[in-house]
């Protein structure tokens, strides 16, 4: 966990995708204590705040995989990547 905390302390990255982590709660504690809200985008449910978005792959299927990929790309392609970091957390990959 120390390595992750050190990695997240650097400011030279636009976005980070975190996946296959056992302890999501500890990652969220490191990233932010801001409240999250449940959202749905084109039948894809996720939890987010202004720091991170959490996607559960159990909710992604063959019908919405393309929408999921497009939405992830939209997050990554934002113009303010180096001024406002956004973390993408993928559960159950």
Protein backbone atom coordinates (compact mmCIF):
# COMPACT_ATOMS: atom_id res chain seq x y z
CA UNK A 1 0.00 0.00 0.00
CA UNK A 2 2.93 2.32 0.65
CA UNK A 3 3.96 2.06 -3.03
CA UNK A 4 0.50 3.04 -4.17
CA UNK A 5 0.42 6.01 -1.83
CA UNK A 6 3.80 7.13 -3.15
CA UNK A 7 2.67 6.71 -6.76
CA UNK A 8 -0.49 8.74 -6.19
CA UNK A 9 1.48 11.54 -4.55
CA UNK A 10 3.23 12.41 -7.84
CA UNK A 11 1.64 15.10 -9.99
CA UNK A 12 3.09 14.12 -13.35
CA UNK A 13 0.28 11.86 -14.54
CA UNK A 14 -2.99 12.79 -16.22
CA UNK A 15 -5.10 9.72 -15.40
CA UNK A 16 -4.54 6.41 -13.72
CA UNK A 17 -6.59 3.28 -14.24
CA UNK A 18 -6.54 1.02 -11.20
CA UNK A 19 -7.84 -2.51 -11.56
CA UNK A 20 -7.77 -5.89 -9.83
CA UNK A 21 -7.10 -4.44 -6.41
CA UNK A 22 -8.27 -6.37 -3.40
CA UNK A 23 -8.73 -3.46 -1.07
CA UNK A 24 -10.59 -0.69 -2.89
CA UNK A 25 -11.48 1.05 0.37
CA UNK A 26 -7.85 1.77 1.18
CA UNK A 27 -7.33 3.24 -2.28
CA UNK A 28 -10.36 5.46 -1.87
CA UNK A 29 -9.06 6.59 1.52
CA UNK A 30 -5.79 7.65 -0.12
CA UNK A 31 -7.48 9.40 -3.04
CA UNK A 32 -10.25 11.38 -1.40
CA UNK A 33 -12.74 11.50 1.43
CA UNK A 34 -15.31 13.36 -0.65
CA UNK A 35 -18.75 11.83 -0.95
CA UNK A 36 -19.63 9.79 -4.00
CA UNK A 37 -22.81 9.52 -5.92
CA UNK A 38 -24.32 6.73 -7.99
CA UNK A 39 -24.68 7.50 -11.68
CA UNK A 40 -25.87 5.83 -14.84
CA UNK A 41 -24.51 6.63 -18.29
CA UNK A 42 -26.10 4.72 -21.19
CA UNK A 43 -27.03 1.75 -18.98
CA UNK A 44 -23.63 1.72 -17.27
CA UNK A 45 -23.87 2.24 -13.55
CA UNK A 46 -20.89 3.67 -11.70
CA UNK A 47 -19.95 5.59 -8.58
CA UNK A 48 -17.98 8.80 -8.79
CA UNK A 49 -16.96 12.12 -7.36
CA UNK A 50 -14.69 14.77 -8.86
CA UNK A 51 -11.56 12.68 -8.10
CA UNK A 52 -12.44 9.17 -9.20
CA UNK A 53 -14.95 6.93 -10.94
CA UNK A 54 -15.56 3.32 -9.93
CA UNK A 55 -16.89 0.87 -12.48
CA UNK A 56 -17.91 -2.66 -11.59
CA UNK A 57 -17.27 -4.98 -14.51
CA UNK A 58 -20.08 -7.22 -13.28
CA UNK A 59 -22.40 -4.53 -14.69
CA UNK A 60 -20.73 -4.52 -18.12
CA UNK A 61 -21.95 -7.00 -20.70
CA UNK A 62 -21.87 -7.56 -24.43
CA UNK A 63 -24.69 -5.05 -24.94
CA UNK A 64 -22.96 -2.11 -23.26
CA UNK A 65 -19.24 -2.85 -23.63
CA UNK A 66 -18.90 -0.39 -26.51
CA UNK A 67 -20.58 2.38 -24.50
CA UNK A 68 -18.25 1.57 -21.59
CA UNK A 69 -15.17 1.91 -23.80
CA UNK A 70 -16.43 5.18 -25.25
CA UNK A 71 -17.13 6.59 -21.81
CA UNK A 72 -13.68 5.64 -20.50
CA UNK A 73 -12.12 7.29 -23.56
CA UNK A 74 -14.19 10.42 -22.91
CA UNK A 75 -12.80 10.61 -19.38
CA UNK A 76 -9.24 10.16 -20.61
CA UNK A 77 -9.56 12.71 -23.44
CA UNK A 78 -10.71 15.61 -21.27
CA UNK A 79 -8.86 18.83 -21.92
CA UNK A 80 -7.95 19.41 -18.28
CA UNK A 81 -6.00 16.18 -17.79
CA UNK A 82 -2.91 17.78 -16.29
CA UNK A 83 -4.73 20.30 -14.12
CA UNK A 84 -7.37 17.97 -12.71
CA UNK A 85 -6.55 14.33 -12.29
CA UNK A 86 -9.24 11.71 -12.48
CA UNK A 87 -8.73 8.15 -11.36
CA UNK A 88 -10.59 5.30 -12.98
CA UNK A 89 -11.09 2.28 -10.74
CA UNK A 90 -12.31 -0.96 -12.26
CA UNK A 91 -13.63 -3.61 -9.91
CA UNK A 92 -13.97 -7.33 -10.60
CA UNK A 93 -11.94 -7.36 -13.77
